[in-house]
Amino acid sequence: MSTDYEKALGRKIALNRKRRGLSQKELAGLLDRSEAWVSQVERGVRRIDRMTVLEKVADVLDIPIAELAAEAPIIAATTEPDAPGAARLRLLLSAAHSLNAILGAHEPPDVAALRADVDRAWELTHASHYTDLADLLEQLVPRLENAARSAPEHQHPELFRLLAATYHTCSAALATMGEPEAAWIAADRAVVAAERANDPLLMAAGAFRLSIVFLGARHYDQATQASGSAAEALRPLTESGRPEAVALRGALTLQRAVAAARTNQADDAYRFLREAGEMAQQVGEGRNDYNTEFGPTNVGLHEVSVAVELGDAGIALRAADTIDPSALSSERQTRFHLDVARAHAQRRQTDEALNALLKAHQLSPEMIRAMPMVQQLVADLITMSEPPSEQLRSFGQQLGVDMSRFDP
């Protein structure tokens, strides 16, 4: 969306708000938004990217929707090539591996080798090495599908657990790369494999992955349902004190917080954060149950994310100053720096936002190139800079942002 459009829309909203004799705080209350959100929209710092939100603003201000939507918003143009490995992972999920496994003849599996490869897949996922991950999964998924059906029955539970964990890696990578449909398929297959393993906690981990997919696809009701229902189902196990169950329930509760923030339910979002914080104290640092990295530091990272989603940039930046994410995976550290960049962008602090983006890029260049929202954020920074620095322009070119639209 161009800055000109954002500023024009913000001016229209401010003009009509004043015409109705409303303060920003009063308008925020009528919209069920924060005062900071209204201020950012009126200053052209924050976009309104959903028609339902624009319709509600028009309704509250008692003006035709066409008056606010006079210009079509322009989404940041990028070359948008497939992220590294994305096409290969989509094709992997499209192949009939289970059919071949049922009908074909296969050698007895080497379970230890398969287990080592699944661990390697998670290492690549957390490091955002998607090309190497695709190389591995193209071989590993067929081998596991075959093994789970050809091994002696007593080995089936472990093999289906390994298969579920492998589909989790595929779903996590595809969700990050902005491929929600394929990520959904992978997460669903993980849940089925976990059920065949008769492993309730692994099924809950599948619900955690599904909620991430739904959040990325902006299906917030589904994200809330997936994470909330699984978290409640785990309650008996958490009350018995099993730390891995507490960690999974905590991770699901963080997803509930993010979903609430994205639907502007601030009270619920911060309540879920507090609940997750209490569970994190039980779990402590240093665990990584079901590759959720749940613990006190991860809760802190989500506090930053939730504040950004709610438009509370000051809260986000103050929280970020108290966090040392270095003990977490490069993937989680990268997401943290992206949230910090978004918070600075909300305050039009372009240099600080760029510095945070560069830290994220240094940690996980492949992940940064794979995330469509990063290109949009960089385009926003360029349009709000007068003029953009050479470093910012160079970074935009490196990410594939169409720079011609910013030329005078």
Protein backbone atom coordinates (compact mmCIF):
# COMPACT_ATOMS: atom_id res chain seq x y z
CA MET A 1 0.00 0.00 0.00
CA SER A 2 1.46 3.38 -0.96
CA THR A 3 2.19 5.96 1.69
CA ASP A 4 0.13 8.49 -0.30
CA TYR A 5 -2.89 6.23 0.02
CA GLU A 6 -2.32 5.66 3.72
CA LYS A 7 -1.89 9.36 4.42
CA ALA A 8 -4.94 10.28 2.34
CA LEU A 9 -7.04 7.67 4.11
CA GLY A 10 -5.75 8.79 7.51
CA ARG A 11 -6.63 12.41 6.74
CA LYS A 12 -10.15 11.42 5.70
CA ILE A 13 -10.67 9.43 8.88
CA ALA A 14 -9.33 12.26 11.07
CA LEU A 15 -11.47 14.86 9.27
CA ASN A 16 -14.66 12.84 9.66
CA ARG A 17 -13.82 11.96 13.26
CA LYS A 18 -13.52 15.64 14.10
CA ARG A 19 -16.70 16.38 12.13
CA ARG A 20 -18.50 14.00 14.46
CA GLY A 21 -16.88 15.64 17.48
CA LEU A 22 -15.03 12.49 18.54
CA SER A 23 -11.63 12.27 20.17
CA GLN A 24 -9.22 9.55 19.06
CA LYS A 25 -9.95 7.72 22.31
CA GLU A 26 -13.69 7.86 21.71
CA LEU A 27 -13.35 6.65 18.13
CA ALA A 28 -11.09 3.82 19.34
CA GLY A 29 -13.76 2.74 21.80
CA LEU A 30 -16.45 2.69 19.10
CA LEU A 31 -14.19 0.62 16.84
CA ASP A 32 -13.07 -1.69 19.65
CA ARG A 33 -9.48 -0.69 18.89
CA SER A 34 -6.70 0.98 20.87
CA GLU A 35 -6.16 4.73 20.81
CA ALA A 36 -2.65 4.04 19.50
CA TRP A 37 -4.17 2.16 16.54
CA VAL A 38 -6.39 5.13 15.62
CA SER A 39 -3.45 7.53 15.93
CA GLN A 40 -1.27 5.37 13.69
CA VAL A 41 -4.00 5.03 11.04
CA GLU A 42 -4.65 8.77 11.00
CA ARG A 43 -0.92 9.50 10.63
CA GLY A 44 -0.61 7.04 7.77
CA VAL A 45 1.72 4.78 9.74
CA ARG A 46 -0.59 1.77 9.94
CA ARG A 47 -2.52 0.33 7.03
CA ILE A 48 -6.09 -0.93 7.09
CA ASP A 49 -5.70 -4.11 5.10
CA ARG A 50 -9.10 -5.73 5.62
CA MET A 51 -12.31 -4.52 4.02
CA THR A 52 -14.33 -5.55 7.09
CA VAL A 53 -12.30 -3.11 9.21
CA LEU A 54 -12.70 -0.31 6.66
CA GLU A 55 -16.45 -0.96 6.57
CA LYS A 56 -16.66 -0.66 10.36
CA VAL A 57 -14.76 2.65 10.30
CA ALA A 58 -17.12 3.98 7.64
CA ASP A 59 -20.14 2.83 9.64
CA VAL A 60 -18.94 4.48 12.87
CA LEU A 61 -18.12 7.73 11.06
CA ASP A 62 -21.45 7.58 9.21
CA ILE A 63 -19.96 7.99 5.74
CA PRO A 64 -20.19 5.82 2.60
CA ILE A 65 -17.58 3.11 2.36
CA ALA A 66 -16.75 4.38 -1.14
CA GLU A 67 -15.53 7.65 0.37
CA LEU A 68 -12.81 5.80 2.29
CA ALA A 69 -12.07 3.30 -0.47
CA ALA A 70 -11.82 5.89 -3.24
CA GLU A 71 -8.43 4.56 -4.26
CA ALA A 72 -7.48 0.91 -4.47
CA PRO A 73 -4.61 0.20 -2.08
CA ILE A 74 -1.40 -0.77 -3.82
CA ILE A 75 0.31 -3.75 -2.25
CA ALA A 76 4.09 -3.71 -2.38
CA ALA A 77 5.18 -5.20 -5.67
CA THR A 78 7.89 -7.82 -5.54
CA THR A 79 9.24 -10.33 -7.98
CA GLU A 80 7.78 -13.01 -5.68
CA PRO A 81 9.72 -16.05 -6.86
CA ASP A 82 9.11 -19.31 -5.09
CA ALA A 83 10.99 -19.40 -1.82
CA PRO A 84 13.89 -21.87 -1.92
CA GLY A 85 12.52 -25.38 -1.55
CA ALA A 86 8.84 -24.36 -1.54
CA ALA A 87 7.94 -25.89 -4.91
CA ARG A 88 9.80 -29.09 -4.06
CA LEU A 89 7.98 -29.44 -0.72
CA ARG A 90 4.63 -28.90 -2.44
CA LEU A 91 5.47 -31.66 -4.94
CA LEU A 92 6.62 -33.91 -2.10
CA LEU A 93 3.19 -33.61 -0.47
CA SER A 94 1.49 -34.29 -3.80
CA ALA A 95 3.10 -37.69 -4.35
CA ALA A 96 1.30 -40.95 -3.44
CA HIS A 97 3.87 -42.10 -0.87
CA SER A 98 1.41 -44.00 1.32
CA LEU A 99 -0.11 -45.83 -1.67
CA ASN A 100 3.33 -46.87 -2.85
CA ALA A 101 4.17 -47.94 0.69
CA ILE A 102 1.11 -50.20 0.90
CA LEU A 103 1.53 -51.77 -2.55
CA GLY A 104 5.31 -52.00 -2.83
CA ALA A 105 7.89 -54.39 -1.40
CA HIS A 106 10.37 -52.80 0.99
CA GLU A 107 13.45 -53.66 2.98
CA PRO A 108 13.28 -53.72 6.79
CA PRO A 109 13.85 -50.17 8.08
CA ASP A 110 16.92 -48.87 9.87
CA VAL A 111 15.05 -47.12 12.69
CA ALA A 112 18.17 -45.55 14.20
CA ALA A 113 19.12 -43.97 10.87
CA LEU A 114 15.59 -42.69 10.37
CA ARG A 115 15.58 -41.18 13.86
CA ALA A 116 18.86 -39.37 13.14
CA ASP A 117 17.47 -37.98 9.89
CA VAL A 118 14.35 -36.67 11.64
CA ASP A 119 16.55 -34.88 14.16
CA ARG A 120 18.52 -33.44 11.27
CA ALA A 121 15.30 -32.25 9.61
CA TRP A 122 14.42 -30.27 12.73
CA GLU A 123 17.90 -28.74 12.86
CA LEU A 124 17.50 -27.54 9.27
CA THR A 125 14.01 -26.22 9.97
CA HIS A 126 15.09 -24.21 13.01
CA ALA A 127 18.07 -22.89 11.05
CA SER A 128 15.77 -21.96 8.11
CA HIS A 129 17.88 -23.93 5.62
CA TYR A 130 14.96 -24.77 3.36
CA THR A 131 16.85 -26.00 0.33
CA ASP A 132 18.78 -28.51 2.42
CA LEU A 133 15.53 -29.45 4.17
CA ALA A 134 13.85 -30.19 0.83
CA ASP A 135 16.85 -32.34 -0.15
CA LEU A 136 16.43 -34.37 3.02
CA LEU A 137 12.64 -34.65 3.09
CA GLU A 138 12.42 -35.82 -0.53
CA GLN A 139 14.22 -38.96 0.64
CA LEU A 140 13.03 -39.17 4.23
CA VAL A 141 9.26 -38.96 3.77
CA PRO A 142 9.03 -41.96 1.35
CA ARG A 143 11.38 -43.97 3.56
CA LEU A 144 9.27 -43.31 6.65
CA GLU A 145 5.98 -43.98 4.87
CA ASN A 146 7.43 -47.30 3.70
CA ALA A 147 8.93 -48.16 7.08
CA ALA A 148 5.73 -47.44 9.01
CA ARG A 149 3.92 -50.06 6.93
CA SER A 150 6.59 -52.70 6.41
CA ALA A 151 8.21 -52.90 9.87
CA PRO A 152 7.16 -55.39 12.54
CA GLU A 153 4.08 -54.25 14.43
CA HIS A 154 5.96 -53.47 17.64
CA GLN A 155 7.94 -50.78 15.75
CA HIS A 156 4.86 -49.06 14.32
CA PRO A 157 4.30 -46.53 17.15
CA GLU A 158 7.82 -45.14 16.98
CA LEU A 159 7.84 -45.02 13.20
CA PHE A 160 4.53 -43.16 13.09
CA ARG A 161 5.89 -40.76 15.70
CA LEU A 162 8.90 -40.12 13.47
CA LEU A 163 6.60 -39.66 10.49
CA ALA A 164 4.49 -37.14 12.40
CA ALA A 165 7.58 -35.19 13.47
CA THR A 166 8.80 -35.14 9.86
CA TYR A 167 5.52 -33.73 8.59
CA HIS A 168 5.78 -31.13 11.37
CA THR A 169 9.07 -29.90 9.90
CA CYS A 170 7.50 -29.69 6.46
CA SER A 171 4.51 -27.75 7.80
CA ALA A 172 6.70 -25.36 9.79
CA ALA A 173 8.87 -24.54 6.78
CA LEU A 174 5.94 -24.07 4.40
CA ALA A 175 4.09 -21.85 6.88
CA THR A 176 7.12 -19.58 7.15
CA MET A 177 7.41 -19.42 3.37
CA GLY A 178 3.83 -18.20 3.01
CA GLU A 179 2.43 -21.51 1.70
CA PRO A 180 -0.55 -22.07 4.04
CA GLU A 181 -2.42 -24.57 1.88
CA ALA A 182 0.54 -26.94 1.61
CA ALA A 183 1.48 -26.35 5.26
CA TRP A 184 -2.07 -27.30 6.25
CA ILE A 185 -1.79 -30.61 4.36
CA ALA A 186 1.51 -31.42 6.10
CA ALA A 187 0.14 -30.56 9.55
CA ASP A 188 -2.96 -32.65 8.97
CA ARG A 189 -0.86 -35.64 7.94
CA ALA A 190 1.19 -35.18 11.10
CA VAL A 191 -1.96 -35.35 13.24
CA VAL A 192 -3.05 -38.56 11.46
CA ALA A 193 0.36 -40.16 11.98
CA ALA A 194 0.35 -39.14 15.67
CA GLU A 195 -3.08 -40.71 16.09
CA ARG A 196 -1.81 -43.95 14.52
CA ALA A 197 1.04 -43.83 17.02
CA ASN A 198 -1.56 -43.41 19.80
CA ASP A 199 0.38 -40.41 21.09
CA PRO A 200 -1.94 -37.68 22.48
CA LEU A 201 0.87 -35.20 23.11
CA LEU A 202 2.10 -35.53 19.55
CA MET A 203 -1.48 -34.96 18.39
CA ALA A 204 -1.51 -31.75 20.46
CA ALA A 205 1.76 -30.74 18.82
CA GLY A 206 -0.03 -31.17 15.49
CA ALA A 207 -2.75 -28.80 16.68
CA PHE A 208 0.00 -26.32 17.57
CA ARG A 209 1.34 -26.52 14.02
CA LEU A 210 -2.17 -26.17 12.58
CA SER A 211 -2.79 -23.04 14.62
CA ILE A 212 0.38 -21.48 13.18
CA VAL A 213 -0.83 -22.32 9.68
CA PHE A 214 -4.25 -20.78 10.35
CA LEU A 215 -2.65 -17.62 11.73
CA GLY A 216 -0.53 -17.27 8.61
CA ALA A 217 -3.60 -17.73 6.42
CA ARG A 218 -5.54 -15.17 8.51
CA HIS A 219 -8.08 -17.77 9.54
CA TYR A 220 -8.15 -16.43 13.07
CA ASP A 221 -11.29 -18.26 14.19
CA GLN A 222 -9.74 -21.55 13.13
CA ALA A 223 -6.47 -20.70 14.85
CA THR A 224 -8.38 -19.95 18.04
CA GLN A 225 -10.37 -23.16 17.76
CA ALA A 226 -7.36 -25.37 17.03
CA SER A 227 -5.16 -23.98 19.80
CA GLY A 228 -7.94 -23.50 22.34
CA SER A 229 -9.53 -26.92 22.01
CA ALA A 230 -6.17 -28.69 22.17
CA ALA A 231 -5.07 -26.63 25.19
CA GLU A 232 -8.22 -27.52 27.07
CA ALA A 233 -7.91 -31.19 26.13
CA LEU A 234 -4.43 -31.21 27.68
CA ARG A 235 -5.64 -29.85 31.01
CA PRO A 236 -5.82 -33.26 32.78
CA LEU A 237 -2.24 -34.09 31.74
CA THR A 238 -0.93 -30.71 32.87
CA GLU A 239 -2.66 -31.05 36.23
CA SER A 240 -0.76 -34.30 36.74
CA GLY A 241 2.47 -32.29 36.44
CA ARG A 242 3.92 -33.72 33.22
CA PRO A 243 6.36 -31.00 32.06
CA GLU A 244 6.05 -31.82 28.36
CA ALA A 245 2.26 -31.51 28.62
CA VAL A 246 2.62 -28.17 30.42
CA ALA A 247 5.01 -26.97 27.71
CA LEU A 248 2.65 -27.97 24.91
CA ARG A 249 -0.31 -26.35 26.63
CA GLY A 250 1.77 -23.23 27.15
CA ALA A 251 2.79 -23.12 23.49
CA LEU A 252 -0.85 -23.50 22.44
CA THR A 253 -1.82 -20.71 24.84
CA LEU A 254 0.72 -18.42 23.16
CA GLN A 255 -0.99 -19.12 19.84
CA ARG A 256 -4.30 -18.16 21.46
CA ALA A 257 -2.69 -14.88 22.53
CA VAL A 258 -1.51 -14.10 19.01
CA ALA A 259 -4.92 -14.94 17.52
CA ALA A 260 -6.62 -12.68 20.06
CA ALA A 261 -4.19 -9.85 19.29
CA ARG A 262 -4.79 -10.13 15.56
CA THR A 263 -8.53 -9.80 16.14
CA ASN A 264 -7.88 -6.86 18.48
CA GLN A 265 -9.02 -8.61 21.64
CA ALA A 266 -6.38 -7.00 23.82
CA ASP A 267 -7.70 -8.18 27.18
CA ASP A 268 -7.81 -11.79 26.03
CA ALA A 269 -4.39 -11.53 24.38
CA TYR A 270 -2.68 -10.29 27.52
CA ARG A 271 -4.61 -12.76 29.70
CA PHE A 272 -3.35 -15.65 27.59
CA LEU A 273 0.17 -14.23 27.85
CA ARG A 274 -0.09 -14.21 31.64
CA GLU A 275 -1.37 -17.80 31.66
CA ALA A 276 1.46 -18.90 29.37
CA GLY A 277 3.93 -17.10 31.63
CA GLU A 278 2.73 -19.09 34.64
CA MET A 279 3.19 -22.34 32.71
CA ALA A 280 6.63 -21.22 31.52
CA GLN A 281 7.72 -20.80 35.14
CA GLN A 282 6.75 -24.43 35.76
CA VAL A 283 8.68 -25.62 32.71
CA GLY A 284 11.75 -23.39 33.07
CA GLU A 285 14.38 -22.62 30.47
CA GLY A 286 16.39 -25.06 28.43
CA ARG A 287 13.66 -27.41 27.25
CA ASN A 288 12.38 -27.82 23.72
CA ASP A 289 9.39 -30.12 24.06
CA TYR A 290 8.03 -31.11 20.65
CA ASN A 291 10.21 -28.40 19.09
CA THR A 292 8.06 -25.60 20.50
CA GLU A 293 10.96 -23.93 22.38
CA PHE A 294 8.45 -23.06 25.08
CA GLY A 295 9.80 -21.36 28.19
CA PRO A 296 10.03 -17.93 29.86
CA THR A 297 12.12 -16.38 27.08
CA ASN A 298 9.72 -17.53 24.37
CA VAL A 299 6.83 -16.03 26.34
CA GLY A 300 8.77 -12.76 26.40
CA LEU A 301 9.18 -12.90 22.64
CA HIS A 302 5.45 -13.40 22.23
CA GLU A 303 4.78 -10.42 24.49
CA VAL A 304 6.64 -8.31 21.94
CA SER A 305 4.72 -9.90 19.07
CA VAL A 306 1.32 -9.42 20.72
CA ALA A 307 2.06 -5.77 21.50
CA VAL A 308 3.05 -5.14 17.89
CA GLU A 309 -0.13 -6.78 16.61
CA LEU A 310 -2.17 -4.53 18.91
CA GLY A 311 -0.32 -1.42 17.75
CA ASP A 312 1.34 -0.92 21.13
CA ALA A 313 4.80 -0.17 19.73
CA GLY A 314 6.05 1.42 22.96
CA ILE A 315 5.12 -1.64 25.01
CA ALA A 316 6.73 -3.90 22.41
CA LEU A 317 10.02 -2.01 22.40
CA ARG A 318 10.22 -1.78 26.18
CA ALA A 319 9.59 -5.53 26.44
CA ALA A 320 12.19 -6.21 23.75
CA ASP A 321 14.84 -4.35 25.74
CA THR A 322 14.48 -6.90 28.57
CA ILE A 323 14.90 -9.99 26.40
CA ASP A 324 18.01 -11.95 25.45
CA PRO A 325 16.84 -14.46 22.81
CA SER A 326 20.29 -15.88 22.08
CA ALA A 327 19.57 -19.25 23.72
CA LEU A 328 16.73 -19.93 21.28
CA SER A 329 16.97 -21.16 17.70
CA SER A 330 17.98 -18.78 14.93
CA GLU A 331 14.42 -19.06 13.62
CA ARG A 332 12.93 -17.75 16.88
CA GLN A 333 15.60 -15.04 17.17
CA THR A 334 14.85 -13.94 13.61
CA ARG A 335 11.13 -13.62 14.34
CA PHE A 336 11.97 -11.55 17.41
CA HIS A 337 14.05 -9.07 15.39
CA LEU A 338 11.28 -8.87 12.78
CA ASP A 339 8.78 -7.93 15.48
CA VAL A 340 11.20 -5.28 16.76
CA ALA A 341 11.48 -3.93 13.21
CA ARG A 342 7.69 -3.78 12.92
CA ALA A 343 7.45 -1.89 16.21
CA HIS A 344 9.99 0.70 15.01
CA ALA A 345 8.11 0.97 11.70
CA GLN A 346 4.91 1.77 13.59
CA ARG A 347 6.82 4.71 15.09
CA ARG A 348 8.28 5.68 11.69
CA GLN A 349 11.77 4.99 13.03
CA THR A 350 13.14 3.74 9.73
CA ASP A 351 16.82 3.52 10.68
CA GLU A 352 16.08 1.48 13.81
CA ALA A 353 13.68 -0.74 11.85
CA LEU A 354 16.30 -1.37 9.19
CA ASN A 355 18.92 -2.25 11.83
CA ALA A 356 16.55 -4.85 13.29
CA LEU A 357 15.87 -6.26 9.82
CA LEU A 358 19.58 -6.52 9.11
CA LYS A 359 20.08 -8.47 12.36
CA ALA A 360 17.30 -10.82 11.29
CA HIS A 361 18.85 -11.22 7.84
CA GLN A 362 22.26 -11.97 9.32
CA LEU A 363 20.74 -14.75 11.43
CA SER A 364 18.56 -16.36 8.74
CA PRO A 365 19.01 -14.95 5.23
CA GLU A 366 17.06 -17.79 3.63
CA MET A 367 14.14 -17.30 6.02
CA ILE A 368 14.07 -13.53 5.43
CA ARG A 369 14.04 -14.00 1.66
CA ALA A 370 11.26 -16.57 2.00
CA MET A 371 8.82 -14.43 4.03
CA PRO A 372 6.48 -12.25 1.94
CA MET A 373 5.77 -9.96 4.91
CA VAL A 374 9.42 -8.90 5.01
CA GLN A 375 9.28 -7.54 1.47
CA GLN A 376 6.12 -5.62 2.37
CA LEU A 377 7.77 -4.21 5.49
CA VAL A 378 10.83 -3.08 3.55
CA ALA A 379 8.61 -1.46 0.92
CA ASP A 380 6.77 0.38 3.71
CA LEU A 381 10.06 1.65 5.14
CA ILE A 382 11.16 2.88 1.72
CA THR A 383 7.89 4.75 1.12
CA MET A 384 7.96 6.44 4.53
CA SER A 385 11.60 7.57 4.06
CA GLU A 386 12.21 10.93 2.38
CA PRO A 387 14.38 9.86 0.66
CA PRO A 388 15.32 6.27 1.58
CA SER A 389 18.94 5.62 2.45
CA GLU A 390 21.14 3.82 -0.01
CA GLN A 391 21.43 0.96 2.50
CA LEU A 392 17.66 0.59 2.63
CA ARG A 393 17.33 0.69 -1.15
CA SER A 394 20.09 -1.89 -1.50
CA PHE A 395 18.40 -4.16 1.02
CA GLY A 396 15.10 -3.86 -0.85
CA GLN A 397 16.78 -4.82 -4.10
CA GLN A 398 18.43 -7.77 -2.41
CA LEU A 399 15.02 -9.04 -1.25
CA GLY A 400 13.42 -8.66 -4.66
CA VAL A 401 11.30 -5.57 -3.95
CA ASP A 402 10.37 -3.80 -7.21
CA MET A 403 12.30 -0.58 -6.70
CA SER A 404 11.02 1.08 -9.89
CA ARG A 405 7.79 2.09 -8.19
CA PHE A 406 9.75 4.28 -5.78
CA ASP A 407 11.63 6.20 -8.47
CA PRO A 408 10.53 9.83 -8.95
